[in-house]
């Protein structure tokens, strides 16, 4: 797993990197004319819904009814589908302006995930791609932070859309999950599906996304990427380096 969200500083890092990825994937491809709905609700997940009020009361009532229906008939698809949407709506309404979810929202995100998996079990045909786009937001780093699950959902979306933008999105989540095989296959598919005149642009996008993810990974591991840092380990890592030098000097004295 790439991102550890413990600590406000790390959450800010994740958000900044994710916004950068959203612009790379979304705005860039729209300009290239490949597709507009690339991020799949990513900006909504970052900014937070904060809808609140009486609307949430209606959603909560609907949740109670559909929970009863799902319990009475676990194989019924409709209650699970609505519960995925409603639990996600309740969760994102609680997110603050920095896209940080409180503990209660995490519980609702987990509920959305449970009902998404229950829906997949009950579904006899092709999964609902529009619902998959909602489920994808449940697994992003600032939500449940489950990149492997995000890859599974992004694969459903890509198979349904079969366009360059969807496979570019899949490549991003595969990078986040550390799945090099899927990342390579999705990247190749994104390039193949892009218009010939835009393939170089897609390759450039993939390089930028990969660079952003690698930079985030290095920062999470404590490497200072500033010009003066020269790639050195921050704080604890630096102290360990110094300790190693002292041991070397001591060993020389022996």
C-alpha atoms as a PDB file:
ATOM      1  CA  UNK A   1       0.000   0.000   0.000  1.00  0.00           C
ATOM      2  CA  UNK A   2       1.436   3.336  -1.016  1.00  0.00           C
ATOM      3  CA  UNK A   3      -0.167   5.806   1.389  1.00  0.00           C
ATOM      4  CA  UNK A   4      -0.270   5.747   5.176  1.00  0.00           C
ATOM      5  CA  UNK A   5      -2.837   8.349   6.249  1.00  0.00           C
ATOM      6  CA  UNK A   6      -1.839   8.557   9.904  1.00  0.00           C
ATOM      7  CA  UNK A   7      -1.031  12.168  10.741  1.00  0.00           C
ATOM      8  CA  UNK A   8      -2.375  15.376   9.230  1.00  0.00           C
ATOM      9  CA  UNK A   9       0.839  16.041   7.331  1.00  0.00           C
ATOM     10  CA  UNK A  10       0.562  12.779   5.437  1.00  0.00           C
ATOM     11  CA  UNK A  11      -3.107  13.402   4.686  1.00  0.00           C
ATOM     12  CA  UNK A  12      -2.150  16.766   3.189  1.00  0.00           C
ATOM     13  CA  UNK A  13       0.521  15.068   1.087  1.00  0.00           C
ATOM     14  CA  UNK A  14      -1.992  12.546  -0.229  1.00  0.00           C
ATOM     15  CA  UNK A  15      -4.477  15.261  -1.075  1.00  0.00           C
ATOM     16  CA  UNK A  16      -1.935  17.408  -2.921  1.00  0.00           C
ATOM     17  CA  UNK A  17      -0.652  14.449  -4.942  1.00  0.00           C
ATOM     18  CA  UNK A  18      -4.169  13.268  -5.677  1.00  0.00           C
ATOM     19  CA  UNK A  19      -5.258  16.715  -6.876  1.00  0.00           C
ATOM     20  CA  UNK A  20      -2.197  16.780  -9.129  1.00  0.00           C
ATOM     21  CA  UNK A  21      -3.118  13.360 -10.514  1.00  0.00           C
ATOM     22  CA  UNK A  22      -6.699  14.502 -11.052  1.00  0.00           C
ATOM     23  CA  UNK A  23      -5.550  17.459 -13.121  1.00  0.00           C
ATOM     24  CA  UNK A  24      -3.131  15.298 -15.083  1.00  0.00           C
ATOM     25  CA  UNK A  25      -5.767  12.699 -15.846  1.00  0.00           C
ATOM     26  CA  UNK A  26      -8.800  14.921 -16.135  1.00  0.00           C
ATOM     27  CA  UNK A  27      -7.947  18.325 -17.498  1.00  0.00           C
ATOM     28  CA  UNK A  28      -5.167  17.089 -19.737  1.00  0.00           C
ATOM     29  CA  UNK A  29      -7.200  14.449 -21.501  1.00  0.00           C
ATOM     30  CA  UNK A  30     -10.155  16.776 -21.967  1.00  0.00           C
ATOM     31  CA  UNK A  31      -7.820  19.161 -23.778  1.00  0.00           C
ATOM     32  CA  UNK A  32      -6.589  16.236 -25.870  1.00  0.00           C
ATOM     33  CA  UNK A  33     -10.189  15.435 -26.795  1.00  0.00           C
ATOM     34  CA  UNK A  34     -10.008  11.878 -25.446  1.00  0.00           C
ATOM     35  CA  UNK A  35     -12.719  12.140 -22.832  1.00  0.00           C
ATOM     36  CA  UNK A  36     -14.208  14.316 -20.135  1.00  0.00           C
ATOM     37  CA  UNK A  37     -15.329  12.013 -17.331  1.00  0.00           C
ATOM     38  CA  UNK A  38     -11.890  10.717 -16.461  1.00  0.00           C
ATOM     39  CA  UNK A  39     -11.720  11.177 -12.736  1.00  0.00           C
ATOM     40  CA  UNK A  40     -14.967   9.381 -11.922  1.00  0.00           C
ATOM     41  CA  UNK A  41     -16.016  11.756  -9.176  1.00  0.00           C
ATOM     42  CA  UNK A  42     -12.472  12.369  -7.936  1.00  0.00           C
ATOM     43  CA  UNK A  43     -12.925  16.109  -7.457  1.00  0.00           C
ATOM     44  CA  UNK A  44     -16.105  15.514  -5.465  1.00  0.00           C
ATOM     45  CA  UNK A  45     -14.247  13.118  -3.214  1.00  0.00           C
ATOM     46  CA  UNK A  46     -11.447  15.629  -2.635  1.00  0.00           C
ATOM     47  CA  UNK A  47     -13.614  18.680  -1.939  1.00  0.00           C
ATOM     48  CA  UNK A  48     -16.273  16.908   0.118  1.00  0.00           C
ATOM     49  CA  UNK A  49     -19.996  17.143  -0.350  1.00  0.00           C
ATOM     50  CA  UNK A  50     -21.057  18.801   2.911  1.00  0.00           C
ATOM     51  CA  UNK A  51     -24.668  18.552   1.795  1.00  0.00           C
ATOM     52  CA  UNK A  52     -26.004  17.923   5.311  1.00  0.00           C
ATOM     53  CA  UNK A  53     -29.409  19.081   6.510  1.00  0.00           C
ATOM     54  CA  UNK A  54     -32.755  17.515   5.731  1.00  0.00           C
ATOM     55  CA  UNK A  55     -31.314  15.763   2.679  1.00  0.00           C
ATOM     56  CA  UNK A  56     -29.267  13.508   4.939  1.00  0.00           C
ATOM     57  CA  UNK A  57     -32.331  12.664   7.023  1.00  0.00           C
ATOM     58  CA  UNK A  58     -34.065  11.419   3.890  1.00  0.00           C
ATOM     59  CA  UNK A  59     -31.006   9.363   2.962  1.00  0.00           C
ATOM     60  CA  UNK A  60     -30.780   7.911   6.472  1.00  0.00           C
ATOM     61  CA  UNK A  61     -34.419   6.841   6.349  1.00  0.00           C
ATOM     62  CA  UNK A  62     -33.818   5.201   2.967  1.00  0.00           C
ATOM     63  CA  UNK A  63     -30.747   3.440   4.378  1.00  0.00           C
ATOM     64  CA  UNK A  64     -32.771   1.955   7.245  1.00  0.00           C
ATOM     65  CA  UNK A  65     -35.408   0.612   4.841  1.00  0.00           C
ATOM     66  CA  UNK A  66     -32.877  -0.855   2.423  1.00  0.00           C
ATOM     67  CA  UNK A  67     -30.865  -2.431   5.231  1.00  0.00           C
ATOM     68  CA  UNK A  68     -34.022  -4.287   6.256  1.00  0.00           C
ATOM     69  CA  UNK A  69     -34.617  -5.365   2.664  1.00  0.00           C
ATOM     70  CA  UNK A  70     -31.024  -6.500   2.214  1.00  0.00           C
ATOM     71  CA  UNK A  71     -31.141  -8.490   5.438  1.00  0.00           C
ATOM     72  CA  UNK A  72     -34.428 -10.125   4.443  1.00  0.00           C
ATOM     73  CA  UNK A  73     -33.117 -11.007   0.976  1.00  0.00           C
ATOM     74  CA  UNK A  74     -29.303 -10.853   0.668  1.00  0.00           C
ATOM     75  CA  UNK A  75     -29.476 -11.891  -3.005  1.00  0.00           C
ATOM     76  CA  UNK A  76     -31.603  -8.880  -3.966  1.00  0.00           C
ATOM     77  CA  UNK A  77     -29.423  -6.500  -5.969  1.00  0.00           C
ATOM     78  CA  UNK A  78     -31.467  -3.300  -5.690  1.00  0.00           C
ATOM     79  CA  UNK A  79     -31.074  -2.693  -1.919  1.00  0.00           C
ATOM     80  CA  UNK A  80     -27.315  -3.226  -2.070  1.00  0.00           C
ATOM     81  CA  UNK A  81     -26.962  -0.864  -5.031  1.00  0.00           C
ATOM     82  CA  UNK A  82     -28.838   1.915  -3.299  1.00  0.00           C
ATOM     83  CA  UNK A  83     -26.972   1.368  -0.050  1.00  0.00           C
ATOM     84  CA  UNK A  84     -23.626   1.809  -1.816  1.00  0.00           C
ATOM     85  CA  UNK A  85     -24.751   5.192  -3.109  1.00  0.00           C
ATOM     86  CA  UNK A  86     -26.417   6.289   0.125  1.00  0.00           C
ATOM     87  CA  UNK A  87     -23.611   5.316   2.474  1.00  0.00           C
ATOM     88  CA  UNK A  88     -21.124   7.065   0.213  1.00  0.00           C
ATOM     89  CA  UNK A  89     -23.351  10.149   0.145  1.00  0.00           C
ATOM     90  CA  UNK A  90     -23.566  10.188   3.950  1.00  0.00           C
ATOM     91  CA  UNK A  91     -19.806   9.769   4.243  1.00  0.00           C
ATOM     92  CA  UNK A  92     -18.811  12.474   1.818  1.00  0.00           C
ATOM     93  CA  UNK A  93     -21.280  14.901   3.379  1.00  0.00           C
ATOM     94  CA  UNK A  94     -19.161  14.704   6.542  1.00  0.00           C
ATOM     95  CA  UNK A  95     -15.811  15.341   4.830  1.00  0.00           C
ATOM     96  CA  UNK A  96     -14.236  18.692   5.564  1.00  0.00           C
ATOM     97  CA  UNK A  97     -12.857  21.134   3.006  1.00  0.00           C
ATOM     98  CA  UNK A  98      -9.541  19.244   3.027  1.00  0.00           C
ATOM     99  CA  UNK A  99     -11.313  16.023   2.054  1.00  0.00           C
ATOM    100  CA  UNK A 100     -10.618  14.398   5.430  1.00  0.00           C
ATOM    101  CA  UNK A 101     -13.234  11.940   6.663  1.00  0.00           C
ATOM    102  CA  UNK A 102     -14.058  11.706  10.413  1.00  0.00           C
ATOM    103  CA  UNK A 103     -14.351   8.323  12.133  1.00  0.00           C
ATOM    104  CA  UNK A 104     -18.118   8.130  11.589  1.00  0.00           C
ATOM    105  CA  UNK A 105     -17.635   8.664   7.876  1.00  0.00           C
ATOM    106  CA  UNK A 106     -15.071   5.874   7.792  1.00  0.00           C
ATOM    107  CA  UNK A 107     -17.724   3.573   9.208  1.00  0.00           C
ATOM    108  CA  UNK A 108     -20.098   4.562   6.428  1.00  0.00           C
ATOM    109  CA  UNK A 109     -17.412   4.091   3.800  1.00  0.00           C
ATOM    110  CA  UNK A 110     -16.870   0.575   5.100  1.00  0.00           C
ATOM    111  CA  UNK A 111     -20.620  -0.020   4.897  1.00  0.00           C
ATOM    112  CA  UNK A 112     -20.593   1.173   1.286  1.00  0.00           C
ATOM    113  CA  UNK A 113     -17.760  -1.264   0.585  1.00  0.00           C
ATOM    114  CA  UNK A 114     -19.634  -4.131   2.233  1.00  0.00           C
ATOM    115  CA  UNK A 115     -22.725  -3.525   0.134  1.00  0.00           C
ATOM    116  CA  UNK A 116     -20.665  -3.128  -3.041  1.00  0.00           C
ATOM    117  CA  UNK A 117     -19.184  -6.579  -2.462  1.00  0.00           C
ATOM    118  CA  UNK A 118     -22.614  -7.964  -1.572  1.00  0.00           C
ATOM    119  CA  UNK A 119     -23.966  -6.490  -4.801  1.00  0.00           C
ATOM    120  CA  UNK A 120     -21.189  -8.157  -6.819  1.00  0.00           C
ATOM    121  CA  UNK A 121     -22.044 -11.476  -5.191  1.00  0.00           C
ATOM    122  CA  UNK A 122     -25.735 -11.062  -6.001  1.00  0.00           C
ATOM    123  CA  UNK A 123     -25.233  -9.724  -9.531  1.00  0.00           C
ATOM    124  CA  UNK A 124     -25.805 -12.433 -12.115  1.00  0.00           C
ATOM    125  CA  UNK A 125     -24.910 -10.380 -15.159  1.00  0.00           C
ATOM    126  CA  UNK A 126     -22.638  -7.472 -15.974  1.00  0.00           C
ATOM    127  CA  UNK A 127     -21.932  -5.165 -12.990  1.00  0.00           C
ATOM    128  CA  UNK A 128     -23.374  -1.657 -13.102  1.00  0.00           C
ATOM    129  CA  UNK A 129     -20.567   0.612 -14.335  1.00  0.00           C
ATOM    130  CA  UNK A 130     -22.184   3.758 -12.927  1.00  0.00           C
ATOM    131  CA  UNK A 131     -22.285   2.141  -9.494  1.00  0.00           C
ATOM    132  CA  UNK A 132     -18.671   1.064  -9.931  1.00  0.00           C
ATOM    133  CA  UNK A 133     -17.714   4.717 -10.357  1.00  0.00           C
ATOM    134  CA  UNK A 134     -19.240   5.426  -6.945  1.00  0.00           C
ATOM    135  CA  UNK A 135     -17.559   2.394  -5.392  1.00  0.00           C
ATOM    136  CA  UNK A 136     -14.206   3.520  -6.757  1.00  0.00           C
ATOM    137  CA  UNK A 137     -14.361   6.650  -4.588  1.00  0.00           C
ATOM    138  CA  UNK A 138     -14.798   4.474  -1.505  1.00  0.00           C
ATOM    139  CA  UNK A 139     -11.341   2.970  -1.998  1.00  0.00           C
ATOM    140  CA  UNK A 140      -9.250   6.034  -2.874  1.00  0.00           C
ATOM    141  CA  UNK A 141      -6.371   7.023  -0.540  1.00  0.00           C
ATOM    142  CA  UNK A 142      -8.248   9.696   1.404  1.00  0.00           C
ATOM    143  CA  UNK A 143     -11.243   7.362   1.905  1.00  0.00           C
ATOM    144  CA  UNK A 144     -10.626   3.689   2.836  1.00  0.00           C
ATOM    145  CA  UNK A 145      -7.171   3.726   1.237  1.00  0.00           C
ATOM    146  CA  UNK A 146      -7.480   0.308  -0.393  1.00  0.00           C
ATOM    147  CA  UNK A 147      -5.679   0.623  -3.747  1.00  0.00           C
ATOM    148  CA  UNK A 148      -5.942  -3.084  -4.540  1.00  0.00           C
ATOM    149  CA  UNK A 149      -9.718  -2.847  -4.319  1.00  0.00           C
ATOM    150  CA  UNK A 150      -9.614   0.347  -6.388  1.00  0.00           C
ATOM    151  CA  UNK A 151      -7.796  -1.581  -9.128  1.00  0.00           C
ATOM    152  CA  UNK A 152     -10.547  -4.218  -9.209  1.00  0.00           C
ATOM    153  CA  UNK A 153     -13.244  -1.568  -9.547  1.00  0.00           C
ATOM    154  CA  UNK A 154     -11.272   0.452 -12.103  1.00  0.00           C
ATOM    155  CA  UNK A 155     -10.930  -2.714 -14.219  1.00  0.00           C
ATOM    156  CA  UNK A 156     -14.726  -3.018 -14.341  1.00  0.00           C
ATOM    157  CA  UNK A 157     -15.021   0.605 -15.412  1.00  0.00           C
ATOM    158  CA  UNK A 158     -12.333   0.248 -18.073  1.00  0.00           C
ATOM    159  CA  UNK A 159     -13.895  -2.916 -19.479  1.00  0.00           C
ATOM    160  CA  UNK A 160     -17.244  -1.134 -19.732  1.00  0.00           C
ATOM    161  CA  UNK A 161     -15.995   2.144 -21.218  1.00  0.00           C
ATOM    162  CA  UNK A 162     -13.156   0.673 -23.282  1.00  0.00           C
ATOM    163  CA  UNK A 163     -11.583   4.062 -23.868  1.00  0.00           C
ATOM    164  CA  UNK A 164      -8.193   5.633 -23.306  1.00  0.00           C
ATOM    165  CA  UNK A 165      -9.236   7.688 -20.297  1.00  0.00           C
ATOM    166  CA  UNK A 166     -10.611   4.695 -18.374  1.00  0.00           C
ATOM    167  CA  UNK A 167      -7.473   2.652 -18.976  1.00  0.00           C
ATOM    168  CA  UNK A 168      -5.348   5.630 -18.000  1.00  0.00           C
ATOM    169  CA  UNK A 169      -7.318   5.745 -14.744  1.00  0.00           C
ATOM    170  CA  UNK A 170      -6.732   2.015 -14.254  1.00  0.00           C
ATOM    171  CA  UNK A 171      -2.999   2.519 -14.804  1.00  0.00           C
ATOM    172  CA  UNK A 172      -2.986   5.177 -12.078  1.00  0.00           C
ATOM    173  CA  UNK A 173      -4.632   2.931  -9.497  1.00  0.00           C
ATOM    174  CA  UNK A 174      -2.374   0.037 -10.455  1.00  0.00           C
ATOM    175  CA  UNK A 175       0.590   2.304  -9.763  1.00  0.00           C
ATOM    176  CA  UNK A 176      -0.866   3.223  -6.383  1.00  0.00           C
ATOM    177  CA  UNK A 177      -1.366  -0.474  -5.620  1.00  0.00           C
ATOM    178  CA  UNK A 178       2.100  -1.448  -6.822  1.00  0.00           C
ATOM    179  CA  UNK A 179       0.613  -3.788  -9.429  1.00  0.00           C
ATOM    180  CA  UNK A 180       3.197  -3.458 -12.189  1.00  0.00           C
ATOM    181  CA  UNK A 181       1.561  -6.026 -14.459  1.00  0.00           C
ATOM    182  CA  UNK A 182      -1.830  -4.292 -14.558  1.00  0.00           C
ATOM    183  CA  UNK A 183      -0.164  -0.891 -14.792  1.00  0.00           C
ATOM    184  CA  UNK A 184       1.823  -2.001 -17.850  1.00  0.00           C
ATOM    185  CA  UNK A 185      -1.171  -3.618 -19.568  1.00  0.00           C
ATOM    186  CA  UNK A 186      -3.487  -0.680 -18.832  1.00  0.00           C
ATOM    187  CA  UNK A 187      -0.907   1.834 -20.035  1.00  0.00           C
ATOM    188  CA  UNK A 188      -0.475  -0.041 -23.309  1.00  0.00           C
ATOM    189  CA  UNK A 189      -4.250  -0.249 -23.756  1.00  0.00           C
ATOM    190  CA  UNK A 190      -4.685   3.467 -23.072  1.00  0.00           C
ATOM    191  CA  UNK A 191      -2.127   4.286 -25.758  1.00  0.00           C
ATOM    192  CA  UNK A 192      -3.664   1.818 -28.198  1.00  0.00           C
ATOM    193  CA  UNK A 193      -7.192   3.211 -27.760  1.00  0.00           C
ATOM    194  CA  UNK A 194      -6.145   6.847 -28.080  1.00  0.00           C
ATOM    195  CA  UNK A 195      -6.373   8.542 -31.481  1.00  0.00           C
ATOM    196  CA  UNK A 196      -3.053   8.303 -33.296  1.00  0.00           C
ATOM    197  CA  UNK A 197      -2.553  12.042 -33.109  1.00  0.00           C
ATOM    198  CA  UNK A 198      -2.870  11.919 -29.300  1.00  0.00           C
ATOM    199  CA  UNK A 199      -0.794   8.871 -28.441  1.00  0.00           C
ATOM    200  CA  UNK A 200       2.322  10.864 -27.663  1.00  0.00           C
ATOM    201  CA  UNK A 201       0.243  13.031 -25.319  1.00  0.00           C
ATOM    202  CA  UNK A 202      -1.065   9.918 -23.549  1.00  0.00           C
ATOM    203  CA  UNK A 203       2.481   8.579 -23.162  1.00  0.00           C
ATOM    204  CA  UNK A 204       3.510  11.913 -21.653  1.00  0.00           C
ATOM    205  CA  UNK A 205       0.530  11.779 -19.291  1.00  0.00           C
ATOM    206  CA  UNK A 206       1.499   8.302 -18.149  1.00  0.00           C
ATOM    207  CA  UNK A 207       5.053   9.449 -17.456  1.00  0.00           C
ATOM    208  CA  UNK A 208       3.791  12.417 -15.414  1.00  0.00           C
ATOM    209  CA  UNK A 209       1.375  10.273 -13.406  1.00  0.00           C
ATOM    210  CA  UNK A 210       4.105   7.719 -12.682  1.00  0.00           C
ATOM    211  CA  UNK A 211       6.499  10.469 -11.623  1.00  0.00           C
ATOM    212  CA  UNK A 212       3.877  11.958  -9.286  1.00  0.00           C
ATOM    213  CA  UNK A 213       3.188   8.584  -7.654  1.00  0.00           C
ATOM    214  CA  UNK A 214       6.900   7.818  -7.236  1.00  0.00           C
ATOM    215  CA  UNK A 215       7.495  11.261  -5.739  1.00  0.00           C
ATOM    216  CA  UNK A 216       4.661  10.693  -3.271  1.00  0.00           C
ATOM    217  CA  UNK A 217       6.082   7.288  -2.367  1.00  0.00           C
ATOM    218  CA  UNK A 218       9.504   8.781  -1.691  1.00  0.00           C
ATOM    219  CA  UNK A 219       8.012  11.571   0.405  1.00  0.00           C
ATOM    220  CA  UNK A 220       5.965   9.073   2.423  1.00  0.00           C
ATOM    221  CA  UNK A 221       9.155   7.113   3.121  1.00  0.00           C
ATOM    222  CA  UNK A 222      10.763  10.261   4.526  1.00  0.00           C
ATOM    223  CA  UNK A 223      13.052  11.229   1.652  1.00  0.00           C
ATOM    224  CA  UNK A 224      13.612  14.981   1.327  1.00  0.00           C
ATOM    225  CA  UNK A 225      12.940  15.896  -2.312  1.00  0.00           C
ATOM    226  CA  UNK A 226      13.795  19.585  -1.938  1.00  0.00           C
ATOM    227  CA  UNK A 227      16.792  20.951  -3.873  1.00  0.00           C
ATOM    228  CA  UNK A 228      18.825  21.198  -0.652  1.00  0.00           C
ATOM    229  CA  UNK A 229      17.720  17.776   0.546  1.00  0.00           C
ATOM    230  CA  UNK A 230      19.452  15.951  -2.321  1.00  0.00           C
ATOM    231  CA  UNK A 231      17.350  12.855  -1.699  1.00  0.00           C
ATOM    232  CA  UNK A 232      18.487  12.390   1.914  1.00  0.00           C
ATOM    233  CA  UNK A 233      16.385  10.666   4.566  1.00  0.00           C
ATOM    234  CA  UNK A 234      14.579  13.152   6.787  1.00  0.00           C
ATOM    235  CA  UNK A 235      14.830  13.277  10.599  1.00  0.00           C
ATOM    236  CA  UNK A 236      15.066   9.668  11.793  1.00  0.00           C
ATOM    237  CA  UNK A 237      16.759   8.516   8.613  1.00  0.00           C
ATOM    238  CA  UNK A 238      19.386  11.250   8.893  1.00  0.00           C
ATOM    239  CA  UNK A 239      20.135  10.310  12.501  1.00  0.00           C
ATOM    240  CA  UNK A 240      20.578   6.696  11.511  1.00  0.00           C
ATOM    241  CA  UNK A 241      22.996   7.753   8.799  1.00  0.00           C
ATOM    242  CA  UNK A 242      25.041   9.702  11.338  1.00  0.00           C
ATOM    243  CA  UNK A 243      24.988   6.749  13.730  1.00  0.00           C
ATOM    244  CA  UNK A 244      26.297   4.524  10.986  1.00  0.00           C
ATOM    245  CA  UNK A 245      29.201   6.899  10.396  1.00  0.00           C
ATOM    246  CA  UNK A 246      30.087   6.869  14.080  1.00  0.00           C
ATOM    247  CA  UNK A 247      30.051   3.071  14.125  1.00  0.00           C
ATOM    248  CA  UNK A 248      32.312   3.010  11.088  1.00  0.00           C
ATOM    249  CA  UNK A 249      34.743   5.365  12.779  1.00  0.00           C
ATOM    250  CA  UNK A 250      34.596   3.264  15.954  1.00  0.00           C
ATOM    251  CA  UNK A 251      35.224   0.108  13.947  1.00  0.00           C
ATOM    252  CA  UNK A 252      38.243   1.742  12.363  1.00  0.00           C
ATOM    253  CA  UNK A 253      39.607   2.545  15.796  1.00  0.00           C
ATOM    254  CA  UNK A 254      39.386  -1.104  16.765  1.00  0.00           C
END
